[in-house]
Amino acid sequence: MTTKNNSQVSVEDNLQISREDLGHQRRGANGMSHHLFLIHATTEELVVRDVKKLMWANEDKTFRLELDGIAGFAVFVDDVLLLQSDFYAVERYYRQDAQNFYLYLKDKMQEMLEIQQKQ
């Protein structure tokens, strides 16, 4: 992990995550079962989890997740904006079903790939 100004940047496989450093953040789901993870995870952890799942399904692409340090985030694929949203929207998806946000990301990815193929 590298630090630049007041933000932290970490690179895992082909996913780069940049996070503004706003002090203490809860980190509690390590080592818990999947069910307990979903109950106790922060919304940020859920977003990272679902972006990683999308990354693993599209290993030929480079993903970047930018977290604004408050509640907003943006997901880029090969430096093209895939989604700009906030944690409140993610929480609404998770209230419906644990897979809904991932399925939404997957649909956005499919739309982006179709647009790129037409060009």
PDB file of N, CA and C in Angstrom:
ATOM      1  N   MET A   1       0.839  -1.161   0.000  1.00  0.00           N
ATOM      2  CA  MET A   1       0.000   0.000   0.000  1.00  0.00           C
ATOM      3  C   MET A   1       0.892   1.235   0.000  1.00  0.00           C
ATOM      4  N   THR A   2       0.587   2.186  -0.834  1.00  0.00           N
ATOM      5  CA  THR A   2       1.342   3.424  -0.881  1.00  0.00           C
ATOM      6  C   THR A   2       0.454   4.562  -0.414  1.00  0.00           C
ATOM      7  N   THR A   3       1.090   5.604   0.116  1.00  0.00           N
ATOM      8  CA  THR A   3       0.346   6.772   0.570  1.00  0.00           C
ATOM      9  C   THR A   3       0.726   7.954  -0.287  1.00  0.00           C
ATOM     10  N   LYS A   4      -0.267   8.690  -0.753  1.00  0.00           N
ATOM     11  CA  LYS A   4      -0.049   9.847  -1.598  1.00  0.00           C
ATOM     12  C   LYS A   4      -0.933  10.961  -1.058  1.00  0.00           C
ATOM     13  N   ASN A   5      -0.340  12.092  -0.651  1.00  0.00           N
ATOM     14  CA  ASN A   5      -1.082  13.175  -0.002  1.00  0.00           C
ATOM     15  C   ASN A   5      -1.811  12.598   1.208  1.00  0.00           C
ATOM     16  N   ASN A   6      -3.124  12.775   1.287  1.00  0.00           N
ATOM     17  CA  ASN A   6      -3.892  12.211   2.392  1.00  0.00           C
ATOM     18  C   ASN A   6      -4.690  11.000   1.968  1.00  0.00           C
ATOM     19  N   SER A   7      -4.291  10.341   0.899  1.00  0.00           N
ATOM     20  CA  SER A   7      -5.049   9.181   0.447  1.00  0.00           C
ATOM     21  C   SER A   7      -4.144   7.962   0.411  1.00  0.00           C
ATOM     22  N   GLN A   8      -4.766   6.808   0.480  1.00  0.00           N
ATOM     23  CA  GLN A   8      -4.046   5.549   0.407  1.00  0.00           C
ATOM     24  C   GLN A   8      -4.420   4.864  -0.890  1.00  0.00           C
ATOM     25  N   VAL A   9      -3.437   4.265  -1.537  1.00  0.00           N
ATOM     26  CA  VAL A   9      -3.688   3.530  -2.766  1.00  0.00           C
ATOM     27  C   VAL A   9      -3.147   2.128  -2.574  1.00  0.00           C
ATOM     28  N   SER A  10      -3.987   1.132  -2.815  1.00  0.00           N
ATOM     29  CA  SER A  10      -3.524  -0.247  -2.741  1.00  0.00           C
ATOM     30  C   SER A  10      -3.845  -0.931  -4.055  1.00  0.00           C
ATOM     31  N   VAL A  11      -2.986  -1.863  -4.425  1.00  0.00           N
ATOM     32  CA  VAL A  11      -3.182  -2.593  -5.667  1.00  0.00           C
ATOM     33  C   VAL A  11      -3.236  -4.073  -5.340  1.00  0.00           C
ATOM     34  N   GLU A  12      -4.328  -4.713  -5.719  1.00  0.00           N
ATOM     35  CA  GLU A  12      -4.492  -6.149  -5.542  1.00  0.00           C
ATOM     36  C   GLU A  12      -4.806  -6.723  -6.907  1.00  0.00           C
ATOM     37  N   ASP A  13      -3.973  -7.605  -7.392  1.00  0.00           N
ATOM     38  CA  ASP A  13      -4.141  -8.186  -8.719  1.00  0.00           C
ATOM     39  C   ASP A  13      -4.293  -7.051  -9.735  1.00  0.00           C
ATOM     40  N   ASN A  14      -5.430  -6.964 -10.404  1.00  0.00           N
ATOM     41  CA  ASN A  14      -5.608  -5.874 -11.356  1.00  0.00           C
ATOM     42  C   ASN A  14      -6.702  -4.911 -10.895  1.00  0.00           C
ATOM     43  N   LEU A  15      -6.873  -4.780  -9.564  1.00  0.00           N
ATOM     44  CA  LEU A  15      -7.812  -3.821  -8.976  1.00  0.00           C
ATOM     45  C   LEU A  15      -7.029  -2.831  -8.145  1.00  0.00           C
ATOM     46  N   GLN A  16      -7.115  -1.568  -8.494  1.00  0.00           N
ATOM     47  CA  GLN A  16      -6.471  -0.512  -7.723  1.00  0.00           C
ATOM     48  C   GLN A  16      -7.543   0.198  -6.920  1.00  0.00           C
ATOM     49  N   ILE A  17      -7.323   0.340  -5.602  1.00  0.00           N
ATOM     50  CA  ILE A  17      -8.281   0.997  -4.725  1.00  0.00           C
ATOM     51  C   ILE A  17      -7.609   2.227  -4.135  1.00  0.00           C
ATOM     52  N   SER A  18      -8.218   3.391  -4.337  1.00  0.00           N
ATOM     53  CA  SER A  18      -7.707   4.595  -3.685  1.00  0.00           C
ATOM     54  C   SER A  18      -8.740   5.052  -2.671  1.00  0.00           C
ATOM     55  N   ARG A  19      -8.275   5.386  -1.488  1.00  0.00           N
ATOM     56  CA  ARG A  19      -9.167   5.713  -0.380  1.00  0.00           C
ATOM     57  C   ARG A  19      -8.641   6.962   0.319  1.00  0.00           C
ATOM     58  N   GLU A  20      -9.509   7.953   0.474  1.00  0.00           N
ATOM     59  CA  GLU A  20      -9.129   9.135   1.233  1.00  0.00           C
ATOM     60  C   GLU A  20      -8.969   8.743   2.697  1.00  0.00           C
ATOM     61  N   ASP A  21      -7.946   9.285   3.355  1.00  0.00           N
ATOM     62  CA  ASP A  21      -7.673   8.941   4.736  1.00  0.00           C
ATOM     63  C   ASP A  21      -8.409   9.919   5.645  1.00  0.00           C
ATOM     64  N   LEU A  22      -9.528   9.476   6.198  1.00  0.00           N
ATOM     65  CA  LEU A  22     -10.312  10.325   7.093  1.00  0.00           C
ATOM     66  C   LEU A  22     -10.297   9.801   8.520  1.00  0.00           C
ATOM     67  N   GLY A  23      -9.295   9.050   8.864  1.00  0.00           N
ATOM     68  CA  GLY A  23      -9.184   8.562  10.225  1.00  0.00           C
ATOM     69  C   GLY A  23      -9.640   7.128  10.373  1.00  0.00           C
ATOM     70  N   HIS A  24     -10.095   6.810  11.565  1.00  0.00           N
ATOM     71  CA  HIS A  24     -10.458   5.431  11.911  1.00  0.00           C
ATOM     72  C   HIS A  24     -11.633   4.933  11.073  1.00  0.00           C
ATOM     73  N   GLN A  25     -11.488   3.726  10.550  1.00  0.00           N
ATOM     74  CA  GLN A  25     -12.581   3.062   9.845  1.00  0.00           C
ATOM     75  C   GLN A  25     -12.738   1.672  10.432  1.00  0.00           C
ATOM     76  N   ARG A  26     -13.970   1.265  10.644  1.00  0.00           N
ATOM     77  CA  ARG A  26     -14.227  -0.051  11.234  1.00  0.00           C
ATOM     78  C   ARG A  26     -13.826  -1.151  10.259  1.00  0.00           C
ATOM     79  N   ARG A  27     -13.119  -2.124  10.780  1.00  0.00           N
ATOM     80  CA  ARG A  27     -12.743  -3.292   9.981  1.00  0.00           C
ATOM     81  C   ARG A  27     -13.056  -4.508  10.838  1.00  0.00           C
ATOM     82  N   GLY A  28     -14.181  -5.148  10.590  1.00  0.00           N
ATOM     83  CA  GLY A  28     -14.568  -6.195  11.498  1.00  0.00           C
ATOM     84  C   GLY A  28     -14.886  -7.550  10.925  1.00  0.00           C
ATOM     85  N   ALA A  29     -14.902  -7.729   9.629  1.00  0.00           N
ATOM     86  CA  ALA A  29     -15.429  -8.977   9.084  1.00  0.00           C
ATOM     87  C   ALA A  29     -14.367 -10.019   8.777  1.00  0.00           C
ATOM     88  N   ASN A  30     -13.108  -9.755   9.117  1.00  0.00           N
ATOM     89  CA  ASN A  30     -12.043 -10.708   8.782  1.00  0.00           C
ATOM     90  C   ASN A  30     -12.249 -12.027   9.503  1.00  0.00           C
ATOM     91  N   GLY A  31     -12.204 -13.107   8.751  1.00  0.00           N
ATOM     92  CA  GLY A  31     -12.280 -14.442   9.324  1.00  0.00           C
ATOM     93  C   GLY A  31     -13.682 -14.920   9.651  1.00  0.00           C
ATOM     94  N   MET A  32     -14.689 -14.105   9.460  1.00  0.00           N
ATOM     95  CA  MET A  32     -16.060 -14.529   9.756  1.00  0.00           C
ATOM     96  C   MET A  32     -16.630 -15.297   8.576  1.00  0.00           C
ATOM     97  N   SER A  33     -17.684 -16.038   8.848  1.00  0.00           N
ATOM     98  CA  SER A  33     -18.350 -16.755   7.761  1.00  0.00           C
ATOM     99  C   SER A  33     -18.999 -15.753   6.821  1.00  0.00           C
ATOM    100  N   HIS A  34     -19.378 -16.230   5.638  1.00  0.00           N
ATOM    101  CA  HIS A  34     -19.993 -15.354   4.638  1.00  0.00           C
ATOM    102  C   HIS A  34     -21.237 -14.669   5.202  1.00  0.00           C
ATOM    103  N   HIS A  35     -22.068 -15.405   5.897  1.00  0.00           N
ATOM    104  CA  HIS A  35     -23.292 -14.836   6.464  1.00  0.00           C
ATOM    105  C   HIS A  35     -22.969 -13.733   7.465  1.00  0.00           C
ATOM    106  N   LEU A  36     -22.043 -13.994   8.362  1.00  0.00           N
ATOM    107  CA  LEU A  36     -21.666 -12.981   9.345  1.00  0.00           C
ATOM    108  C   LEU A  36     -20.981 -11.799   8.683  1.00  0.00           C
ATOM    109  N   PHE A  37     -20.233 -12.060   7.614  1.00  0.00           N
ATOM    110  CA  PHE A  37     -19.612 -10.960   6.880  1.00  0.00           C
ATOM    111  C   PHE A  37     -20.680 -10.007   6.366  1.00  0.00           C
ATOM    112  N   LEU A  38     -21.732 -10.555   5.752  1.00  0.00           N
ATOM    113  CA  LEU A  38     -22.791  -9.706   5.213  1.00  0.00           C
ATOM    114  C   LEU A  38     -23.493  -8.916   6.310  1.00  0.00           C
ATOM    115  N   ILE A  39     -23.599  -9.492   7.498  1.00  0.00           N
ATOM    116  CA  ILE A  39     -24.254  -8.802   8.608  1.00  0.00           C
ATOM    117  C   ILE A  39     -23.364  -7.702   9.176  1.00  0.00           C
ATOM    118  N   HIS A  40     -22.069  -7.972   9.316  1.00  0.00           N
ATOM    119  CA  HIS A  40     -21.181  -7.070  10.042  1.00  0.00           C
ATOM    120  C   HIS A  40     -20.295  -6.191   9.160  1.00  0.00           C
ATOM    121  N   ALA A  41     -20.288  -6.424   7.878  1.00  0.00           N
ATOM    122  CA  ALA A  41     -19.389  -5.668   6.996  1.00  0.00           C
ATOM    123  C   ALA A  41     -19.856  -4.227   6.847  1.00  0.00           C
ATOM    124  N   THR A  42     -18.896  -3.351   6.655  1.00  0.00           N
ATOM    125  CA  THR A  42     -19.249  -1.973   6.313  1.00  0.00           C
ATOM    126  C   THR A  42     -19.697  -1.955   4.858  1.00  0.00           C
ATOM    127  N   THR A  43     -20.385  -0.912   4.491  1.00  0.00           N
ATOM    128  CA  THR A  43     -20.820  -0.790   3.100  1.00  0.00           C
ATOM    129  C   THR A  43     -19.608  -0.735   2.180  1.00  0.00           C
ATOM    130  N   GLU A  44     -18.537  -0.092   2.617  1.00  0.00           N
ATOM    131  CA  GLU A  44     -17.309  -0.045   1.817  1.00  0.00           C
ATOM    132  C   GLU A  44     -16.792  -1.450   1.545  1.00  0.00           C
ATOM    133  N   GLU A  45     -16.785  -2.301   2.559  1.00  0.00           N
ATOM    134  CA  GLU A  45     -16.315  -3.675   2.385  1.00  0.00           C
ATOM    135  C   GLU A  45     -17.201  -4.441   1.407  1.00  0.00           C
ATOM    136  N   LEU A  46     -18.496  -4.172   1.429  1.00  0.00           N
ATOM    137  CA  LEU A  46     -19.405  -4.833   0.495  1.00  0.00           C
ATOM    138  C   LEU A  46     -19.142  -4.382  -0.937  1.00  0.00           C
ATOM    139  N   VAL A  47     -18.880  -3.086  -1.122  1.00  0.00           N
ATOM    140  CA  VAL A  47     -18.574  -2.565  -2.461  1.00  0.00           C
ATOM    141  C   VAL A  47     -17.286  -3.197  -2.974  1.00  0.00           C
ATOM    142  N   VAL A  48     -16.245  -3.214  -2.144  1.00  0.00           N
ATOM    143  CA  VAL A  48     -14.965  -3.809  -2.546  1.00  0.00           C
ATOM    144  C   VAL A  48     -15.169  -5.281  -2.902  1.00  0.00           C
ATOM    145  N   ARG A  49     -15.947  -6.001  -2.103  1.00  0.00           N
ATOM    146  CA  ARG A  49     -16.219  -7.420  -2.355  1.00  0.00           C
ATOM    147  C   ARG A  49     -16.865  -7.622  -3.721  1.00  0.00           C
ATOM    148  N   ASP A  50     -17.873  -6.817  -4.037  1.00  0.00           N
ATOM    149  CA  ASP A  50     -18.583  -7.002  -5.303  1.00  0.00           C
ATOM    150  C   ASP A  50     -17.755  -6.551  -6.499  1.00  0.00           C
ATOM    151  N   VAL A  51     -16.951  -5.510  -6.340  1.00  0.00           N
ATOM    152  CA  VAL A  51     -16.062  -5.089  -7.435  1.00  0.00           C
ATOM    153  C   VAL A  51     -15.011  -6.167  -7.681  1.00  0.00           C
ATOM    154  N   LYS A  52     -14.511  -6.791  -6.620  1.00  0.00           N
ATOM    155  CA  LYS A  52     -13.550  -7.889  -6.788  1.00  0.00           C
ATOM    156  C   LYS A  52     -14.184  -9.065  -7.529  1.00  0.00           C
ATOM    157  N   LYS A  53     -15.440  -9.387  -7.203  1.00  0.00           N
ATOM    158  CA  LYS A  53     -16.124 -10.479  -7.909  1.00  0.00           C
ATOM    159  C   LYS A  53     -16.231 -10.163  -9.398  1.00  0.00           C
ATOM    160  N   LEU A  54     -16.550  -8.914  -9.722  1.00  0.00           N
ATOM    161  CA  LEU A  54     -16.636  -8.508 -11.125  1.00  0.00           C
ATOM    162  C   LEU A  54     -15.259  -8.573 -11.783  1.00  0.00           C
ATOM    163  N   MET A  55     -14.225  -8.177 -11.045  1.00  0.00           N
ATOM    164  CA  MET A  55     -12.855  -8.222 -11.554  1.00  0.00           C
ATOM    165  C   MET A  55     -12.446  -9.663 -11.859  1.00  0.00           C
ATOM    166  N   TRP A  56     -12.770 -10.594 -10.966  1.00  0.00           N
ATOM    167  CA  TRP A  56     -12.403 -11.996 -11.184  1.00  0.00           C
ATOM    168  C   TRP A  56     -13.127 -12.572 -12.393  1.00  0.00           C
ATOM    169  N   ALA A  57     -14.319 -12.072 -12.680  1.00  0.00           N
ATOM    170  CA  ALA A  57     -15.076 -12.546 -13.843  1.00  0.00           C
ATOM    171  C   ALA A  57     -14.583 -11.921 -15.148  1.00  0.00           C
ATOM    172  N   ASN A  58     -13.784 -10.860 -15.045  1.00  0.00           N
ATOM    173  CA  ASN A  58     -13.269 -10.145 -16.222  1.00  0.00           C
ATOM    174  C   ASN A  58     -11.775  -9.900 -16.041  1.00  0.00           C
ATOM    175  N   GLU A  59     -11.004 -10.964 -15.969  1.00  0.00           N
ATOM    176  CA  GLU A  59      -9.584 -10.868 -15.640  1.00  0.00           C
ATOM    177  C   GLU A  59      -8.760 -10.123 -16.677  1.00  0.00           C
ATOM    178  N   ASP A  60      -9.286  -9.949 -17.882  1.00  0.00           N
ATOM    179  CA  ASP A  60      -8.544  -9.237 -18.920  1.00  0.00           C
ATOM    180  C   ASP A  60      -8.686  -7.724 -18.797  1.00  0.00           C
ATOM    181  N   LYS A  61      -9.478  -7.256 -17.852  1.00  0.00           N
ATOM    182  CA  LYS A  61      -9.720  -5.824 -17.652  1.00  0.00           C
ATOM    183  C   LYS A  61      -9.000  -5.341 -16.398  1.00  0.00           C
ATOM    184  N   THR A  62      -8.697  -4.045 -16.362  1.00  0.00           N
ATOM    185  CA  THR A  62      -8.094  -3.426 -15.187  1.00  0.00           C
ATOM    186  C   THR A  62      -9.155  -2.580 -14.494  1.00  0.00           C
ATOM    187  N   PHE A  63      -9.355  -2.841 -13.224  1.00  0.00           N
ATOM    188  CA  PHE A  63     -10.383  -2.160 -12.446  1.00  0.00           C
ATOM    189  C   PHE A  63      -9.745  -1.173 -11.479  1.00  0.00           C
ATOM    190  N   ARG A  64     -10.445  -0.070 -11.232  1.00  0.00           N
ATOM    191  CA  ARG A  64     -10.011   0.916 -10.240  1.00  0.00           C
ATOM    192  C   ARG A  64     -11.248   1.363  -9.471  1.00  0.00           C
ATOM    193  N   LEU A  65     -11.159   1.331  -8.160  1.00  0.00           N
ATOM    194  CA  LEU A  65     -12.237   1.766  -7.289  1.00  0.00           C
ATOM    195  C   LEU A  65     -11.744   2.981  -6.530  1.00  0.00           C
ATOM    196  N   GLU A  66     -12.433   4.103  -6.692  1.00  0.00           N
ATOM    197  CA  GLU A  66     -12.068   5.332  -5.988  1.00  0.00           C
ATOM    198  C   GLU A  66     -13.138   5.624  -4.947  1.00  0.00           C
ATOM    199  N   LEU A  67     -12.706   5.720  -3.694  1.00  0.00           N
ATOM    200  CA  LEU A  67     -13.602   6.022  -2.582  1.00  0.00           C
ATOM    201  C   LEU A  67     -13.321   7.446  -2.128  1.00  0.00           C
ATOM    202  N   ASP A  68     -14.357   8.273  -2.003  1.00  0.00           N
ATOM    203  CA  ASP A  68     -14.125   9.677  -1.668  1.00  0.00           C
ATOM    204  C   ASP A  68     -13.901   9.919  -0.183  1.00  0.00           C
ATOM    205  N   GLY A  69     -13.979   8.884   0.640  1.00  0.00           N
ATOM    206  CA  GLY A  69     -13.719   9.033   2.066  1.00  0.00           C
ATOM    207  C   GLY A  69     -14.958   9.381   2.865  1.00  0.00           C
ATOM    208  N   ILE A  70     -16.052   9.646   2.193  1.00  0.00           N
ATOM    209  CA  ILE A  70     -17.302   9.964   2.892  1.00  0.00           C
ATOM    210  C   ILE A  70     -18.304   8.859   2.576  1.00  0.00           C
ATOM    211  N   ALA A  71     -19.008   8.965   1.460  1.00  0.00           N
ATOM    212  CA  ALA A  71     -19.983   7.933   1.105  1.00  0.00           C
ATOM    213  C   ALA A  71     -20.017   7.669  -0.391  1.00  0.00           C
ATOM    214  N   GLY A  72     -19.252   8.395  -1.160  1.00  0.00           N
ATOM    215  CA  GLY A  72     -19.282   8.229  -2.607  1.00  0.00           C
ATOM    216  C   GLY A  72     -18.151   7.348  -3.107  1.00  0.00           C
ATOM    217  N   PHE A  73     -18.367   6.784  -4.285  1.00  0.00           N
ATOM    218  CA  PHE A  73     -17.328   5.973  -4.906  1.00  0.00           C
ATOM    219  C   PHE A  73     -17.543   5.954  -6.408  1.00  0.00           C
ATOM    220  N   ALA A  74     -16.481   5.593  -7.121  1.00  0.00           N
ATOM    221  CA  ALA A  74     -16.546   5.437  -8.571  1.00  0.00           C
ATOM    222  C   ALA A  74     -15.778   4.176  -8.945  1.00  0.00           C
ATOM    223  N   VAL A  75     -16.312   3.441  -9.915  1.00  0.00           N
ATOM    224  CA  VAL A  75     -15.676   2.224 -10.417  1.00  0.00           C
ATOM    225  C   VAL A  75     -15.278   2.482 -11.863  1.00  0.00           C
ATOM    226  N   PHE A  76     -14.007   2.272 -12.166  1.00  0.00           N
ATOM    227  CA  PHE A  76     -13.484   2.443 -13.519  1.00  0.00           C
ATOM    228  C   PHE A  76     -13.015   1.090 -14.037  1.00  0.00           C
ATOM    229  N   VAL A  77     -13.240   0.857 -15.313  1.00  0.00           N
ATOM    230  CA  VAL A  77     -12.751  -0.346 -15.986  1.00  0.00           C
ATOM    231  C   VAL A  77     -11.926   0.125 -17.169  1.00  0.00           C
ATOM    232  N   ASP A  78     -10.644  -0.233 -17.172  1.00  0.00           N
ATOM    233  CA  ASP A  78      -9.719   0.235 -18.207  1.00  0.00           C
ATOM    234  C   ASP A  78      -9.821   1.746 -18.382  1.00  0.00           C
ATOM    235  N   ASP A  79      -9.851   2.461 -17.261  1.00  0.00           N
ATOM    236  CA  ASP A  79      -9.907   3.927 -17.199  1.00  0.00           C
ATOM    237  C   ASP A  79     -11.174   4.526 -17.793  1.00  0.00           C
ATOM    238  N   VAL A  80     -12.228   3.737 -17.930  1.00  0.00           N
ATOM    239  CA  VAL A  80     -13.535   4.221 -18.374  1.00  0.00           C
ATOM    240  C   VAL A  80     -14.488   4.099 -17.184  1.00  0.00           C
ATOM    241  N   LEU A  81     -15.221   5.174 -16.892  1.00  0.00           N
ATOM    242  CA  LEU A  81     -16.143   5.165 -15.762  1.00  0.00           C
ATOM    243  C   LEU A  81     -17.255   4.147 -15.986  1.00  0.00           C
ATOM    244  N   LEU A  82     -17.352   3.183 -15.095  1.00  0.00           N
ATOM    245  CA  LEU A  82     -18.416   2.184 -15.153  1.00  0.00           C
ATOM    246  C   LEU A  82     -19.601   2.626 -14.301  1.00  0.00           C
ATOM    247  N   LEU A  83     -19.312   3.129 -13.097  1.00  0.00           N
ATOM    248  CA  LEU A  83     -20.376   3.490 -12.170  1.00  0.00           C
ATOM    249  C   LEU A  83     -19.869   4.538 -11.198  1.00  0.00           C
ATOM    250  N   GLN A  84     -20.684   5.550 -10.974  1.00  0.00           N
ATOM    251  CA  GLN A  84     -20.421   6.524  -9.922  1.00  0.00           C
ATOM    252  C   GLN A  84     -21.657   6.526  -9.042  1.00  0.00           C
ATOM    253  N   SER A  85     -21.472   6.234  -7.752  1.00  0.00           N
ATOM    254  CA  SER A  85     -22.620   6.081  -6.875  1.00  0.00           C
ATOM    255  C   SER A  85     -22.220   6.425  -5.447  1.00  0.00           C
ATOM    256  N   ASP A  86     -23.060   6.015  -4.513  1.00  0.00           N
ATOM    257  CA  ASP A  86     -22.761   6.232  -3.101  1.00  0.00           C
ATOM    258  C   ASP A  86     -23.192   5.009  -2.293  1.00  0.00           C
ATOM    259  N   PHE A  87     -22.743   4.964  -1.042  1.00  0.00           N
ATOM    260  CA  PHE A  87     -23.018   3.814  -0.191  1.00  0.00           C
ATOM    261  C   PHE A  87     -24.510   3.660   0.103  1.00  0.00           C
ATOM    262  N   TYR A  88     -25.253   4.755   0.085  1.00  0.00           N
ATOM    263  CA  TYR A  88     -26.690   4.682   0.369  1.00  0.00           C
ATOM    264  C   TYR A  88     -27.414   3.860  -0.696  1.00  0.00           C
ATOM    265  N   ALA A  89     -27.026   4.029  -1.946  1.00  0.00           N
ATOM    266  CA  ALA A  89     -27.620   3.234  -3.028  1.00  0.00           C
ATOM    267  C   ALA A  89     -27.269   1.758  -2.861  1.00  0.00           C
ATOM    268  N   VAL A  90     -26.026   1.480  -2.479  1.00  0.00           N
ATOM    269  CA  VAL A  90     -25.597   0.093  -2.271  1.00  0.00           C
ATOM    270  C   VAL A  90     -26.401  -0.540  -1.138  1.00  0.00           C
ATOM    271  N   GLU A  91     -26.615   0.216  -0.069  1.00  0.00           N
ATOM    272  CA  GLU A  91     -27.392  -0.311   1.051  1.00  0.00           C
ATOM    273  C   GLU A  91     -28.820  -0.645   0.625  1.00  0.00           C
ATOM    274  N   ARG A  92     -29.398   0.156  -0.264  1.00  0.00           N
ATOM    275  CA  ARG A  92     -30.745  -0.152  -0.770  1.00  0.00           C
ATOM    276  C   ARG A  92     -30.739  -1.474  -1.538  1.00  0.00           C
ATOM    277  N   TYR A  93     -29.713  -1.701  -2.367  1.00  0.00           N
ATOM    278  CA  TYR A  93     -29.609  -2.981  -3.084  1.00  0.00           C
ATOM    279  C   TYR A  93     -29.479  -4.145  -2.107  1.00  0.00           C
ATOM    280  N   TYR A  94     -28.634  -3.991  -1.085  1.00  0.00           N
ATOM    281  CA  TYR A  94     -28.411  -5.079  -0.132  1.00  0.00           C
ATOM    282  C   TYR A  94     -29.635  -5.354   0.731  1.00  0.00           C
ATOM    283  N   ARG A  95     -30.479  -4.347   0.972  1.00  0.00           N
ATOM    284  CA  ARG A  95     -31.714  -4.594   1.719  1.00  0.00           C
ATOM    285  C   ARG A  95     -32.652  -5.504   0.930  1.00  0.00           C
ATOM    286  N   GLN A  96     -32.601  -5.405  -0.391  1.00  0.00           N
ATOM    287  CA  GLN A  96     -33.442  -6.253  -1.241  1.00  0.00           C
ATOM    288  C   GLN A  96     -32.894  -7.678  -1.282  1.00  0.00           C
ATOM    289  N   ASP A  97     -31.598  -7.805  -1.573  1.00  0.00           N
ATOM    290  CA  ASP A  97     -30.963  -9.117  -1.671  1.00  0.00           C
ATOM    291  C   ASP A  97     -29.457  -8.901  -1.733  1.00  0.00           C
ATOM    292  N   ALA A  98     -28.703  -9.837  -1.166  1.00  0.00           N
ATOM    293  CA  ALA A  98     -27.248  -9.688  -1.102  1.00  0.00           C
ATOM    294  C   ALA A  98     -26.586  -9.706  -2.471  1.00  0.00           C
ATOM    295  N   GLN A  99     -27.255 -10.241  -3.487  1.00  0.00           N
ATOM    296  CA  GLN A  99     -26.665 -10.320  -4.823  1.00  0.00           C
ATOM    297  C   GLN A  99     -27.047  -9.148  -5.722  1.00  0.00           C
ATOM    298  N   ASN A 100     -28.004  -8.324  -5.325  1.00  0.00           N
ATOM    299  CA  ASN A 100     -28.535  -7.303  -6.228  1.00  0.00           C
ATOM    300  C   ASN A 100     -27.508  -6.274  -6.680  1.00  0.00           C
ATOM    301  N   PHE A 101     -26.633  -5.812  -5.788  1.00  0.00           N
ATOM    302  CA  PHE A 101     -25.646  -4.820  -6.205  1.00  0.00           C
ATOM    303  C   PHE A 101     -24.659  -5.435  -7.190  1.00  0.00           C
ATOM    304  N   TYR A 102     -24.209  -6.661  -6.913  1.00  0.00           N
ATOM    305  CA  TYR A 102     -23.303  -7.329  -7.846  1.00  0.00           C
ATOM    306  C   TYR A 102     -23.970  -7.513  -9.206  1.00  0.00           C
ATOM    307  N   LEU A 103     -25.235  -7.920  -9.212  1.00  0.00           N
ATOM    308  CA  LEU A 103     -25.949  -8.100 -10.481  1.00  0.00           C
ATOM    309  C   LEU A 103     -26.092  -6.777 -11.226  1.00  0.00           C
ATOM    310  N   TYR A 104     -26.294  -5.688 -10.492  1.00  0.00           N
ATOM    311  CA  TYR A 104     -26.354  -4.362 -11.108  1.00  0.00           C
ATOM    312  C   TYR A 104     -25.003  -4.010 -11.741  1.00  0.00           C
ATOM    313  N   LEU A 105     -23.913  -4.247 -11.002  1.00  0.00           N
ATOM    314  CA  LEU A 105     -22.567  -4.009 -11.546  1.00  0.00           C
ATOM    315  C   LEU A 105     -22.329  -4.846 -12.800  1.00  0.00           C
ATOM    316  N   LYS A 106     -22.723  -6.094 -12.738  1.00  0.00           N
ATOM    317  CA  LYS A 106     -22.546  -7.015 -13.861  1.00  0.00           C
ATOM    318  C   LYS A 106     -23.316  -6.523 -15.091  1.00  0.00           C
ATOM    319  N   ASP A 107     -24.545  -6.040 -14.885  1.00  0.00           N
ATOM    320  CA  ASP A 107     -25.335  -5.487 -15.994  1.00  0.00           C
ATOM    321  C   ASP A 107     -24.675  -4.248 -16.585  1.00  0.00           C
ATOM    322  N   LYS A 108     -24.157  -3.368 -15.721  1.00  0.00           N
ATOM    323  CA  LYS A 108     -23.461  -2.166 -16.198  1.00  0.00           C
ATOM    324  C   LYS A 108     -22.226  -2.553 -17.015  1.00  0.00           C
ATOM    325  N   MET A 109     -21.516  -3.589 -16.571  1.00  0.00           N
ATOM    326  CA  MET A 109     -20.332  -4.067 -17.279  1.00  0.00           C
ATOM    327  C   MET A 109     -20.727  -4.606 -18.650  1.00  0.00           C
ATOM    328  N   GLN A 110     -21.806  -5.364 -18.711  1.00  0.00           N
ATOM    329  CA  GLN A 110     -22.279  -5.910 -19.983  1.00  0.00           C
ATOM    330  C   GLN A 110     -22.671  -4.786 -20.942  1.00  0.00           C
ATOM    331  N   GLU A 111     -23.363  -3.757 -20.430  1.00  0.00           N
ATOM    332  CA  GLU A 111     -23.726  -2.601 -21.261  1.00  0.00           C
ATOM    333  C   GLU A 111     -22.479  -1.922 -21.818  1.00  0.00           C
ATOM    334  N   MET A 112     -21.465  -1.746 -20.959  1.00  0.00           N
ATOM    335  CA  MET A 112     -20.235  -1.092 -21.389  1.00  0.00           C
ATOM    336  C   MET A 112     -19.539  -1.911 -22.472  1.00  0.00           C
ATOM    337  N   LEU A 113     -19.481  -3.228 -22.295  1.00  0.00           N
ATOM    338  CA  LEU A 113     -18.832  -4.086 -23.288  1.00  0.00           C
ATOM    339  C   LEU A 113     -19.576  -4.054 -24.619  1.00  0.00           C
ATOM    340  N   GLU A 114     -20.901  -4.023 -24.579  1.00  0.00           N
ATOM    341  CA  GLU A 114     -21.691  -3.947 -25.813  1.00  0.00           C
ATOM    342  C   GLU A 114     -21.452  -2.629 -26.542  1.00  0.00           C
ATOM    343  N   ILE A 115     -21.369  -1.542 -25.801  1.00  0.00           N
ATOM    344  CA  ILE A 115     -21.089  -0.234 -26.413  1.00  0.00           C
ATOM    345  C   ILE A 115     -19.708  -0.234 -27.046  1.00  0.00           C
ATOM    346  N   GLN A 116     -18.727  -0.810 -26.348  1.00  0.00           N
ATOM    347  CA  GLN A 116     -17.365  -0.859 -26.887  1.00  0.00           C
ATOM    348  C   GLN A 116     -17.295  -1.710 -28.146  1.00  0.00           C
ATOM    349  N   GLN A 117     -18.060  -2.780 -28.221  1.00  0.00           N
ATOM    350  CA  GLN A 117     -18.051  -3.640 -29.407  1.00  0.00           C
ATOM    351  C   GLN A 117     -18.656  -2.937 -30.611  1.00  0.00           C
ATOM    352  N   LYS A 118     -19.624  -2.061 -30.384  1.00  0.00           N
ATOM    353  CA  LYS A 118     -20.267  -1.334 -31.480  1.00  0.00           C
ATOM    354  C   LYS A 118     -19.365  -0.257 -32.061  1.00  0.00           C
ATOM    355  N   GLN A 119     -18.411   0.206 -31.276  1.00  0.00           N
ATOM    356  CA  GLN A 119     -17.537   1.296 -31.734  1.00  0.00           C
ATOM    357  C   GLN A 119     -16.422   0.791 -32.601  1.00  0.00           C
TER     358      GLN A 119
END
